[in-house]
Amino acid sequence: MKKIALFASGSGSNVENIIHYFRTKNVSVAFKIYGNNPHAFVFERAKKLAVDTYTFTKSELQASFVLDSLQAFQPDWIVLAGFLLKFPEHIIHAYPNKVINIHPALLPKYGGKGMYGMHVHQAVLDNKEKATGITIHYVNEHYDEGGIIFQQSVNIEDCKTADEIADKIHVLEHHYFPEIIEQLLTRNT
């Protein structure tokens, strides 16, 4: 059985979508949801989905607590899906080329510290971009600088607000993120 550790800080729509995707496939996957915000809606989703969770503080992430939990779970992949904290180097080094993230823009544009969620979409809108998209990439010690695995663009010339851009990005995320994760899982069997 394959195992995926899912890290999230907020609502967890990508987390839920990934879990639903694999539950409809012929790939046997166990999940564990990790989060730094005990009040995040992702934990309500986890209860509904009957998935184990692990909540931690920022200092516990930097110490060995989260790594110890990961080593006990033994994930094949660590997937950051709306996780807002900088991922610690000691975990990245313990799981080389096994930690991936989804970013709501076409990196290297609109990446880096502070560029997440609506901040990205507003910057894209303010710069009058005609297209944006998603980037799935490996995680390294710098924000949004790991090797790119996949990108998909979408035309946003008809978008008048950051919310409209966000809606288009969510469609891309929900369609492509689970597919790319499945490819990574099955590629290494």
N, C-alpha and C. Protein backbone atom coordinates (compact mmCIF):
# COMPACT_ATOMS: atom_id res chain seq x y z
N MET A 1 0.84 -1.18 0.00
CA MET A 1 0.00 0.00 0.00
C MET A 1 0.88 1.25 0.00
N LYS A 2 0.52 2.20 -0.84
CA LYS A 2 1.22 3.49 -0.89
C LYS A 2 0.68 4.38 0.23
N LYS A 3 1.52 5.32 0.65
CA LYS A 3 1.12 6.24 1.72
C LYS A 3 1.47 7.67 1.31
N ILE A 4 0.52 8.58 1.59
CA ILE A 4 0.72 10.00 1.30
C ILE A 4 0.44 10.81 2.56
N ALA A 5 1.39 11.64 2.93
CA ALA A 5 1.20 12.61 4.01
C ALA A 5 0.79 13.92 3.36
N LEU A 6 -0.38 14.42 3.74
CA LEU A 6 -0.93 15.65 3.17
C LEU A 6 -0.82 16.78 4.19
N PHE A 7 -0.14 17.86 3.82
CA PHE A 7 0.02 19.01 4.72
C PHE A 7 -0.87 20.15 4.24
N ALA A 8 -1.64 20.72 5.18
CA ALA A 8 -2.54 21.82 4.85
C ALA A 8 -2.64 22.77 6.03
N SER A 9 -2.98 24.02 5.72
CA SER A 9 -3.14 25.04 6.77
C SER A 9 -4.55 25.62 6.80
N GLY A 10 -5.36 25.35 5.79
CA GLY A 10 -6.65 26.03 5.69
C GLY A 10 -7.83 25.11 5.48
N SER A 11 -8.61 25.40 4.45
CA SER A 11 -9.88 24.70 4.25
C SER A 11 -9.71 23.26 3.81
N GLY A 12 -8.66 22.96 3.07
CA GLY A 12 -8.41 21.58 2.69
C GLY A 12 -9.18 21.08 1.49
N SER A 13 -9.62 21.97 0.60
CA SER A 13 -10.37 21.49 -0.57
C SER A 13 -9.50 20.62 -1.47
N ASN A 14 -8.22 20.96 -1.62
CA ASN A 14 -7.34 20.11 -2.42
C ASN A 14 -7.09 18.77 -1.73
N VAL A 15 -6.96 18.78 -0.41
CA VAL A 15 -6.76 17.55 0.35
C VAL A 15 -7.96 16.62 0.13
N GLU A 16 -9.15 17.15 0.31
CA GLU A 16 -10.36 16.33 0.12
C GLU A 16 -10.45 15.80 -1.31
N ASN A 17 -10.15 16.65 -2.26
CA ASN A 17 -10.21 16.25 -3.67
C ASN A 17 -9.22 15.12 -3.96
N ILE A 18 -8.01 15.21 -3.43
CA ILE A 18 -7.00 14.17 -3.63
C ILE A 18 -7.47 12.84 -3.04
N ILE A 19 -7.99 12.88 -1.82
CA ILE A 19 -8.46 11.65 -1.17
C ILE A 19 -9.61 11.03 -1.96
N HIS A 20 -10.58 11.84 -2.38
CA HIS A 20 -11.69 11.31 -3.19
C HIS A 20 -11.18 10.70 -4.49
N TYR A 21 -10.24 11.37 -5.12
CA TYR A 21 -9.69 10.88 -6.38
C TYR A 21 -9.13 9.46 -6.22
N PHE A 22 -8.31 9.26 -5.19
CA PHE A 22 -7.67 7.95 -5.02
C PHE A 22 -8.66 6.89 -4.54
N ARG A 23 -9.71 7.30 -3.87
CA ARG A 23 -10.71 6.32 -3.44
C ARG A 23 -11.52 5.78 -4.62
N THR A 24 -11.46 6.46 -5.77
CA THR A 24 -12.17 5.97 -6.95
C THR A 24 -11.23 5.24 -7.91
N LYS A 25 -9.96 5.13 -7.56
CA LYS A 25 -8.96 4.50 -8.43
C LYS A 25 -8.61 3.11 -7.92
N ASN A 26 -7.86 2.39 -8.74
CA ASN A 26 -7.38 1.07 -8.34
C ASN A 26 -6.01 1.15 -7.67
N VAL A 27 -5.71 2.28 -7.07
CA VAL A 27 -4.45 2.47 -6.37
C VAL A 27 -4.78 2.52 -4.88
N SER A 28 -4.21 1.60 -4.12
CA SER A 28 -4.47 1.54 -2.69
C SER A 28 -3.54 2.53 -1.98
N VAL A 29 -4.16 3.56 -1.38
CA VAL A 29 -3.38 4.63 -0.75
C VAL A 29 -3.92 4.90 0.65
N ALA A 30 -3.00 5.00 1.60
CA ALA A 30 -3.35 5.44 2.96
C ALA A 30 -2.93 6.89 3.09
N PHE A 31 -3.74 7.66 3.77
CA PHE A 31 -3.48 9.09 3.94
C PHE A 31 -3.35 9.44 5.42
N LYS A 32 -2.58 10.47 5.67
CA LYS A 32 -2.55 11.11 6.98
C LYS A 32 -2.46 12.60 6.71
N ILE A 33 -3.30 13.37 7.40
CA ILE A 33 -3.34 14.81 7.21
C ILE A 33 -2.60 15.49 8.35
N TYR A 34 -1.66 16.35 7.98
CA TYR A 34 -0.86 17.12 8.92
C TYR A 34 -1.23 18.59 8.78
N GLY A 35 -1.38 19.26 9.92
CA GLY A 35 -1.72 20.68 9.85
C GLY A 35 -1.24 21.46 11.05
N ASN A 36 -0.96 22.73 10.81
CA ASN A 36 -0.44 23.61 11.85
C ASN A 36 -1.52 24.49 12.47
N ASN A 37 -2.74 24.42 11.96
CA ASN A 37 -3.82 25.25 12.49
C ASN A 37 -4.94 24.32 12.98
N PRO A 38 -5.05 24.10 14.29
CA PRO A 38 -6.03 23.14 14.80
C PRO A 38 -7.48 23.53 14.50
N HIS A 39 -7.71 24.79 14.13
CA HIS A 39 -9.06 25.25 13.82
C HIS A 39 -9.35 25.25 12.32
N ALA A 40 -8.41 24.80 11.52
CA ALA A 40 -8.58 24.81 10.06
C ALA A 40 -9.68 23.81 9.66
N PHE A 41 -10.41 24.18 8.63
CA PHE A 41 -11.52 23.34 8.17
C PHE A 41 -11.04 21.99 7.61
N VAL A 42 -9.76 21.90 7.26
CA VAL A 42 -9.22 20.63 6.76
C VAL A 42 -9.46 19.51 7.77
N PHE A 43 -9.47 19.83 9.07
CA PHE A 43 -9.67 18.80 10.09
C PHE A 43 -11.13 18.34 10.16
N GLU A 44 -12.06 19.22 9.82
CA GLU A 44 -13.47 18.80 9.69
C GLU A 44 -13.61 17.84 8.50
N ARG A 45 -12.94 18.18 7.41
CA ARG A 45 -12.95 17.29 6.24
C ARG A 45 -12.34 15.94 6.60
N ALA A 46 -11.27 15.95 7.37
CA ALA A 46 -10.60 14.70 7.76
C ALA A 46 -11.54 13.80 8.55
N LYS A 47 -12.32 14.39 9.47
CA LYS A 47 -13.29 13.60 10.25
C LYS A 47 -14.31 12.96 9.31
N LYS A 48 -14.83 13.74 8.39
CA LYS A 48 -15.83 13.24 7.44
C LYS A 48 -15.26 12.12 6.57
N LEU A 49 -13.97 12.23 6.24
CA LEU A 49 -13.31 11.25 5.38
C LEU A 49 -12.70 10.09 6.16
N ALA A 50 -12.76 10.15 7.50
CA ALA A 50 -12.18 9.12 8.37
C ALA A 50 -10.68 8.94 8.10
N VAL A 51 -9.96 10.06 8.07
CA VAL A 51 -8.51 10.05 7.83
C VAL A 51 -7.81 10.52 9.09
N ASP A 52 -6.74 9.83 9.47
CA ASP A 52 -5.95 10.22 10.64
C ASP A 52 -5.32 11.59 10.43
N THR A 53 -5.14 12.30 11.53
CA THR A 53 -4.57 13.65 11.47
C THR A 53 -3.45 13.80 12.50
N TYR A 54 -2.65 14.81 12.28
CA TYR A 54 -1.58 15.17 13.22
C TYR A 54 -1.49 16.69 13.21
N THR A 55 -1.73 17.29 14.36
CA THR A 55 -1.67 18.75 14.50
C THR A 55 -0.38 19.12 15.23
N PHE A 56 0.23 20.20 14.78
CA PHE A 56 1.50 20.62 15.36
C PHE A 56 1.61 22.13 15.36
N THR A 57 2.52 22.61 16.17
CA THR A 57 2.82 24.04 16.20
C THR A 57 3.99 24.31 15.26
N LYS A 58 4.23 25.59 15.03
CA LYS A 58 5.36 25.97 14.18
C LYS A 58 6.68 25.49 14.80
N SER A 59 6.81 25.60 16.11
CA SER A 59 8.05 25.15 16.76
C SER A 59 8.19 23.64 16.70
N GLU A 60 7.09 22.91 16.80
CA GLU A 60 7.16 21.44 16.67
C GLU A 60 7.55 21.02 15.27
N LEU A 61 7.15 21.81 14.27
CA LEU A 61 7.55 21.53 12.89
C LEU A 61 9.06 21.67 12.75
N GLN A 62 9.63 22.67 13.38
CA GLN A 62 11.07 22.91 13.28
C GLN A 62 11.87 21.92 14.13
N ALA A 63 11.26 21.40 15.19
CA ALA A 63 11.92 20.39 16.02
C ALA A 63 11.73 19.03 15.36
N SER A 64 11.87 17.98 16.11
CA SER A 64 11.80 16.63 15.51
C SER A 64 10.41 16.00 15.58
N PHE A 65 9.42 16.66 16.20
CA PHE A 65 8.12 16.04 16.42
C PHE A 65 7.44 15.60 15.12
N VAL A 66 7.39 16.48 14.14
CA VAL A 66 6.71 16.16 12.88
C VAL A 66 7.50 15.10 12.11
N LEU A 67 8.81 15.24 12.09
CA LEU A 67 9.64 14.23 11.41
C LEU A 67 9.46 12.86 12.07
N ASP A 68 9.40 12.82 13.38
CA ASP A 68 9.17 11.55 14.07
C ASP A 68 7.84 10.93 13.65
N SER A 69 6.80 11.75 13.56
CA SER A 69 5.49 11.24 13.14
C SER A 69 5.54 10.74 11.69
N LEU A 70 6.22 11.50 10.83
CA LEU A 70 6.36 11.07 9.43
C LEU A 70 7.11 9.74 9.34
N GLN A 71 8.18 9.62 10.09
CA GLN A 71 8.96 8.38 10.04
C GLN A 71 8.15 7.19 10.54
N ALA A 72 7.25 7.41 11.50
CA ALA A 72 6.37 6.33 11.96
C ALA A 72 5.34 5.98 10.88
N PHE A 73 4.84 6.99 10.16
CA PHE A 73 3.84 6.77 9.10
C PHE A 73 4.49 6.18 7.84
N GLN A 74 5.72 6.53 7.54
CA GLN A 74 6.48 6.07 6.38
C GLN A 74 5.81 6.41 5.04
N PRO A 75 5.62 7.71 4.76
CA PRO A 75 4.95 8.07 3.50
C PRO A 75 5.86 7.85 2.29
N ASP A 76 5.23 7.50 1.18
CA ASP A 76 5.93 7.45 -0.10
C ASP A 76 6.13 8.86 -0.63
N TRP A 77 5.14 9.72 -0.36
CA TRP A 77 5.19 11.12 -0.81
C TRP A 77 4.64 12.02 0.28
N ILE A 78 5.19 13.22 0.34
CA ILE A 78 4.66 14.28 1.19
C ILE A 78 4.13 15.35 0.25
N VAL A 79 2.85 15.68 0.41
CA VAL A 79 2.18 16.60 -0.50
C VAL A 79 1.72 17.83 0.28
N LEU A 80 2.23 18.99 -0.13
CA LEU A 80 1.80 20.25 0.47
C LEU A 80 0.64 20.78 -0.36
N ALA A 81 -0.52 20.87 0.26
CA ALA A 81 -1.73 21.30 -0.45
C ALA A 81 -2.37 22.43 0.34
N GLY A 82 -1.85 23.64 0.11
CA GLY A 82 -2.34 24.78 0.88
C GLY A 82 -1.66 24.87 2.24
N PHE A 83 -0.42 24.44 2.30
CA PHE A 83 0.36 24.54 3.54
C PHE A 83 1.16 25.82 3.50
N LEU A 84 0.99 26.69 4.51
CA LEU A 84 1.52 28.05 4.42
C LEU A 84 2.85 28.28 5.12
N LEU A 85 3.31 27.33 5.91
CA LEU A 85 4.59 27.52 6.57
C LEU A 85 5.73 27.04 5.68
N LYS A 86 6.90 27.65 5.88
CA LYS A 86 8.07 27.20 5.14
C LYS A 86 8.40 25.79 5.61
N PHE A 87 8.58 24.89 4.66
CA PHE A 87 8.83 23.50 5.01
C PHE A 87 10.27 23.34 5.47
N PRO A 88 10.50 22.67 6.60
CA PRO A 88 11.84 22.62 7.17
C PRO A 88 12.82 21.74 6.39
N GLU A 89 14.05 22.21 6.36
CA GLU A 89 15.10 21.50 5.61
C GLU A 89 15.34 20.09 6.14
N HIS A 90 15.23 19.88 7.45
CA HIS A 90 15.53 18.54 7.97
C HIS A 90 14.52 17.50 7.45
N ILE A 91 13.29 17.90 7.19
CA ILE A 91 12.32 16.97 6.62
C ILE A 91 12.58 16.80 5.13
N ILE A 92 12.88 17.88 4.44
CA ILE A 92 13.21 17.80 3.01
C ILE A 92 14.39 16.86 2.79
N HIS A 93 15.40 16.96 3.64
CA HIS A 93 16.58 16.10 3.50
C HIS A 93 16.27 14.65 3.85
N ALA A 94 15.34 14.43 4.76
CA ALA A 94 14.95 13.06 5.13
C ALA A 94 14.13 12.39 4.01
N TYR A 95 13.48 13.21 3.17
CA TYR A 95 12.65 12.70 2.07
C TYR A 95 13.05 13.40 0.77
N PRO A 96 14.28 13.15 0.28
CA PRO A 96 14.73 13.85 -0.93
C PRO A 96 13.88 13.52 -2.14
N ASN A 97 13.47 14.56 -2.86
CA ASN A 97 12.62 14.43 -4.06
C ASN A 97 11.33 13.66 -3.80
N LYS A 98 10.82 13.77 -2.57
CA LYS A 98 9.56 13.13 -2.20
C LYS A 98 8.58 14.12 -1.59
N VAL A 99 8.93 15.41 -1.63
CA VAL A 99 8.05 16.45 -1.09
C VAL A 99 7.67 17.34 -2.26
N ILE A 100 6.35 17.47 -2.50
CA ILE A 100 5.87 18.30 -3.60
C ILE A 100 4.86 19.32 -3.09
N ASN A 101 4.70 20.37 -3.88
CA ASN A 101 3.79 21.46 -3.54
C ASN A 101 3.04 21.89 -4.80
N ILE A 102 1.87 22.46 -4.60
CA ILE A 102 1.15 23.09 -5.71
C ILE A 102 1.13 24.59 -5.44
N HIS A 103 1.43 25.36 -6.49
CA HIS A 103 1.45 26.82 -6.38
C HIS A 103 0.45 27.40 -7.38
N PRO A 104 -0.34 28.41 -6.98
CA PRO A 104 -1.40 28.93 -7.84
C PRO A 104 -0.95 29.98 -8.85
N ALA A 105 0.19 29.73 -9.50
CA ALA A 105 0.69 30.61 -10.56
C ALA A 105 1.72 29.82 -11.36
N LEU A 106 2.12 30.41 -12.47
CA LEU A 106 3.13 29.78 -13.32
C LEU A 106 4.51 30.25 -12.86
N LEU A 107 5.10 29.46 -11.98
CA LEU A 107 6.43 29.81 -11.48
C LEU A 107 7.42 29.86 -12.64
N PRO A 108 8.41 30.72 -12.60
CA PRO A 108 8.87 31.45 -11.41
C PRO A 108 8.12 32.75 -11.13
N LYS A 109 7.16 33.12 -11.97
CA LYS A 109 6.39 34.33 -11.69
C LYS A 109 5.49 34.11 -10.47
N TYR A 110 5.37 35.16 -9.68
CA TYR A 110 4.45 35.20 -8.54
C TYR A 110 4.73 34.12 -7.50
N GLY A 111 6.00 33.85 -7.27
CA GLY A 111 6.40 32.91 -6.23
C GLY A 111 7.17 33.63 -5.14
N GLY A 112 7.50 32.90 -4.10
CA GLY A 112 8.31 33.44 -3.02
C GLY A 112 7.51 33.71 -1.77
N LYS A 113 8.20 34.18 -0.76
CA LYS A 113 7.58 34.43 0.54
C LYS A 113 6.41 35.41 0.41
N GLY A 114 5.30 35.06 1.02
CA GLY A 114 4.12 35.91 1.00
C GLY A 114 3.25 35.75 -0.24
N MET A 115 3.70 34.99 -1.21
CA MET A 115 2.92 34.79 -2.43
C MET A 115 2.17 33.47 -2.33
N TYR A 116 0.96 33.57 -1.80
CA TYR A 116 0.08 32.41 -1.68
C TYR A 116 -1.36 32.87 -1.83
N GLY A 117 -2.22 31.96 -2.22
CA GLY A 117 -3.65 32.21 -2.29
C GLY A 117 -4.02 33.50 -2.99
N MET A 118 -4.88 34.28 -2.34
CA MET A 118 -5.40 35.50 -2.95
C MET A 118 -4.32 36.55 -3.20
N HIS A 119 -3.22 36.51 -2.47
CA HIS A 119 -2.11 37.44 -2.73
C HIS A 119 -1.59 37.24 -4.15
N VAL A 120 -1.47 35.97 -4.55
CA VAL A 120 -1.01 35.66 -5.91
C VAL A 120 -2.03 36.15 -6.93
N HIS A 121 -3.30 35.80 -6.73
CA HIS A 121 -4.33 36.16 -7.71
C HIS A 121 -4.47 37.67 -7.86
N GLN A 122 -4.35 38.41 -6.74
CA GLN A 122 -4.45 39.87 -6.82
C GLN A 122 -3.26 40.44 -7.58
N ALA A 123 -2.06 39.89 -7.35
CA ALA A 123 -0.87 40.36 -8.08
C ALA A 123 -1.00 40.09 -9.57
N VAL A 124 -1.51 38.93 -9.92
CA VAL A 124 -1.74 38.58 -11.33
C VAL A 124 -2.72 39.57 -11.95
N LEU A 125 -3.81 39.86 -11.24
CA LEU A 125 -4.82 40.81 -11.73
C LEU A 125 -4.22 42.22 -11.86
N ASP A 126 -3.50 42.65 -10.84
CA ASP A 126 -2.91 44.00 -10.84
C ASP A 126 -1.93 44.18 -12.00
N ASN A 127 -1.25 43.12 -12.38
CA ASN A 127 -0.28 43.19 -13.47
C ASN A 127 -0.91 42.94 -14.84
N LYS A 128 -2.25 42.81 -14.86
CA LYS A 128 -3.01 42.67 -16.11
C LYS A 128 -2.50 41.51 -16.98
N GLU A 129 -2.20 40.39 -16.29
CA GLU A 129 -1.78 39.20 -17.02
C GLU A 129 -2.94 38.66 -17.85
N LYS A 130 -2.62 38.08 -18.99
CA LYS A 130 -3.66 37.48 -19.85
C LYS A 130 -3.85 36.01 -19.53
N ALA A 131 -2.85 35.41 -18.87
CA ALA A 131 -2.92 34.00 -18.49
C ALA A 131 -2.20 33.81 -17.17
N THR A 132 -2.62 32.80 -16.46
CA THR A 132 -1.94 32.34 -15.25
C THR A 132 -2.11 30.83 -15.22
N GLY A 133 -1.88 30.22 -14.08
CA GLY A 133 -2.02 28.78 -14.04
C GLY A 133 -1.56 28.20 -12.73
N ILE A 134 -1.19 26.93 -12.79
CA ILE A 134 -0.69 26.22 -11.61
C ILE A 134 0.68 25.64 -11.91
N THR A 135 1.44 25.46 -10.86
CA THR A 135 2.73 24.78 -10.93
C THR A 135 2.79 23.76 -9.82
N ILE A 136 3.10 22.53 -10.19
CA ILE A 136 3.38 21.48 -9.21
C ILE A 136 4.90 21.30 -9.24
N HIS A 137 5.52 21.40 -8.08
CA HIS A 137 6.99 21.39 -8.04
C HIS A 137 7.51 20.67 -6.81
N TYR A 138 8.75 20.23 -6.91
CA TYR A 138 9.43 19.68 -5.74
C TYR A 138 9.71 20.81 -4.76
N VAL A 139 9.76 20.47 -3.49
CA VAL A 139 10.03 21.45 -2.45
C VAL A 139 11.51 21.38 -2.09
N ASN A 140 12.14 22.55 -2.07
CA ASN A 140 13.51 22.64 -1.58
C ASN A 140 13.55 23.66 -0.44
N GLU A 141 14.73 24.10 -0.07
CA GLU A 141 14.86 24.98 1.10
C GLU A 141 14.42 26.42 0.84
N HIS A 142 14.04 26.75 -0.40
CA HIS A 142 13.59 28.10 -0.73
C HIS A 142 12.13 28.07 -1.18
N TYR A 143 11.39 29.12 -0.85
CA TYR A 143 9.98 29.20 -1.27
C TYR A 143 9.87 29.09 -2.79
N ASP A 144 9.11 28.13 -3.27
CA ASP A 144 8.69 28.03 -4.68
C ASP A 144 9.84 27.96 -5.67
N GLU A 145 10.98 27.41 -5.27
CA GLU A 145 12.12 27.33 -6.17
C GLU A 145 12.53 25.91 -6.54
N GLY A 146 11.82 24.90 -6.03
CA GLY A 146 12.16 23.52 -6.37
C GLY A 146 11.84 23.21 -7.82
N GLY A 147 12.42 22.13 -8.31
CA GLY A 147 12.23 21.73 -9.71
C GLY A 147 10.77 21.58 -10.09
N ILE A 148 10.42 22.08 -11.26
CA ILE A 148 9.04 22.03 -11.74
C ILE A 148 8.74 20.64 -12.29
N ILE A 149 7.61 20.09 -11.83
CA ILE A 149 7.13 18.79 -12.30
C ILE A 149 6.10 18.99 -13.40
N PHE A 150 5.20 19.97 -13.23
CA PHE A 150 4.08 20.15 -14.15
C PHE A 150 3.57 21.58 -14.05
N GLN A 151 3.16 22.12 -15.19
CA GLN A 151 2.48 23.42 -15.22
C GLN A 151 1.30 23.33 -16.18
N GLN A 152 0.26 24.07 -15.87
CA GLN A 152 -0.90 24.19 -16.75
C GLN A 152 -1.39 25.62 -16.68
N SER A 153 -1.63 26.22 -17.84
CA SER A 153 -2.07 27.61 -17.87
C SER A 153 -3.55 27.70 -18.20
N VAL A 154 -4.11 28.88 -17.92
CA VAL A 154 -5.50 29.17 -18.23
C VAL A 154 -5.60 30.64 -18.62
N ASN A 155 -6.42 30.93 -19.60
CA ASN A 155 -6.66 32.30 -20.03
C ASN A 155 -7.53 33.01 -19.00
N ILE A 156 -7.13 34.21 -18.62
CA ILE A 156 -7.89 34.97 -17.62
C ILE A 156 -8.27 36.35 -18.13
N GLU A 157 -8.25 36.54 -19.45
CA GLU A 157 -8.58 37.86 -20.01
C GLU A 157 -9.99 38.29 -19.64
N ASP A 158 -10.89 37.35 -19.38
CA ASP A 158 -12.27 37.68 -19.02
C ASP A 158 -12.46 37.92 -17.52
N CYS A 159 -11.43 37.73 -16.72
CA CYS A 159 -11.54 37.89 -15.27
C CYS A 159 -11.41 39.35 -14.86
N LYS A 160 -12.34 39.80 -14.04
CA LYS A 160 -12.34 41.19 -13.55
C LYS A 160 -11.91 41.29 -12.10
N THR A 161 -11.89 40.14 -11.38
CA THR A 161 -11.54 40.16 -9.96
C THR A 161 -10.58 39.01 -9.65
N ALA A 162 -9.90 39.14 -8.52
CA ALA A 162 -9.02 38.07 -8.06
C ALA A 162 -9.82 36.81 -7.74
N ASP A 163 -11.06 36.98 -7.27
CA ASP A 163 -11.91 35.81 -6.99
C ASP A 163 -12.21 35.01 -8.26
N GLU A 164 -12.43 35.70 -9.36
CA GLU A 164 -12.68 35.00 -10.63
C GLU A 164 -11.43 34.23 -11.07
N ILE A 165 -10.27 34.82 -10.85
CA ILE A 165 -9.02 34.11 -11.17
C ILE A 165 -8.89 32.89 -10.26
N ALA A 166 -9.16 33.06 -8.97
CA ALA A 166 -9.08 31.95 -8.01
C ALA A 166 -9.98 30.79 -8.44
N ASP A 167 -11.19 31.11 -8.91
CA ASP A 167 -12.10 30.06 -9.36
C ASP A 167 -11.50 29.24 -10.49
N LYS A 168 -10.87 29.91 -11.44
CA LYS A 168 -10.25 29.20 -12.57
C LYS A 168 -9.07 28.35 -12.09
N ILE A 169 -8.31 28.88 -11.15
CA ILE A 169 -7.16 28.14 -10.62
C ILE A 169 -7.63 26.90 -9.86
N HIS A 170 -8.69 27.03 -9.08
CA HIS A 170 -9.19 25.86 -8.34
C HIS A 170 -9.61 24.74 -9.28
N VAL A 171 -10.19 25.08 -10.40
CA VAL A 171 -10.55 24.05 -11.38
C VAL A 171 -9.31 23.31 -11.85
N LEU A 172 -8.25 24.05 -12.16
CA LEU A 172 -6.99 23.42 -12.59
C LEU A 172 -6.41 22.56 -11.47
N GLU A 173 -6.36 23.10 -10.26
CA GLU A 173 -5.80 22.35 -9.14
C GLU A 173 -6.53 21.03 -8.93
N HIS A 174 -7.85 21.09 -8.90
CA HIS A 174 -8.63 19.89 -8.61
C HIS A 174 -8.55 18.87 -9.74
N HIS A 175 -8.34 19.32 -10.95
CA HIS A 175 -8.22 18.40 -12.07
C HIS A 175 -6.83 17.76 -12.13
N TYR A 176 -5.79 18.57 -12.05
CA TYR A 176 -4.44 18.08 -12.34
C TYR A 176 -3.66 17.57 -11.14
N PHE A 177 -3.85 18.14 -9.96
CA PHE A 177 -3.01 17.76 -8.83
C PHE A 177 -3.10 16.27 -8.51
N PRO A 178 -4.31 15.70 -8.37
CA PRO A 178 -4.36 14.26 -8.08
C PRO A 178 -3.78 13.40 -9.21
N GLU A 179 -3.97 13.83 -10.44
CA GLU A 179 -3.42 13.06 -11.57
C GLU A 179 -1.90 13.02 -11.52
N ILE A 180 -1.28 14.15 -11.23
CA ILE A 180 0.19 14.20 -11.16
C ILE A 180 0.68 13.38 -9.98
N ILE A 181 -0.01 13.44 -8.85
CA ILE A 181 0.37 12.63 -7.69
C ILE A 181 0.29 11.14 -8.06
N GLU A 182 -0.77 10.75 -8.74
CA GLU A 182 -0.91 9.34 -9.15
C GLU A 182 0.24 8.93 -10.06
N GLN A 183 0.61 9.80 -11.00
CA GLN A 183 1.74 9.48 -11.88
C GLN A 183 3.02 9.29 -11.08
N LEU A 184 3.26 10.15 -10.09
CA LEU A 184 4.44 10.01 -9.26
C LEU A 184 4.41 8.73 -8.44
N LEU A 185 3.25 8.39 -7.90
CA LEU A 185 3.11 7.17 -7.11
C LEU A 185 3.37 5.91 -7.95
N THR A 186 2.78 5.88 -9.12
CA THR A 186 2.88 4.67 -9.94
C THR A 186 4.19 4.59 -10.70
N ARG A 187 4.84 5.73 -10.89
CA ARG A 187 6.13 5.74 -11.58
C ARG A 187 7.19 5.01 -10.79
N ASN A 188 7.04 5.00 -9.49
CA ASN A 188 8.07 4.41 -8.63
C ASN A 188 7.65 3.05 -8.06
N THR A 189 6.81 2.34 -8.77
CA THR A 189 6.40 1.02 -8.26
C THR A 189 7.27 -0.08 -8.81
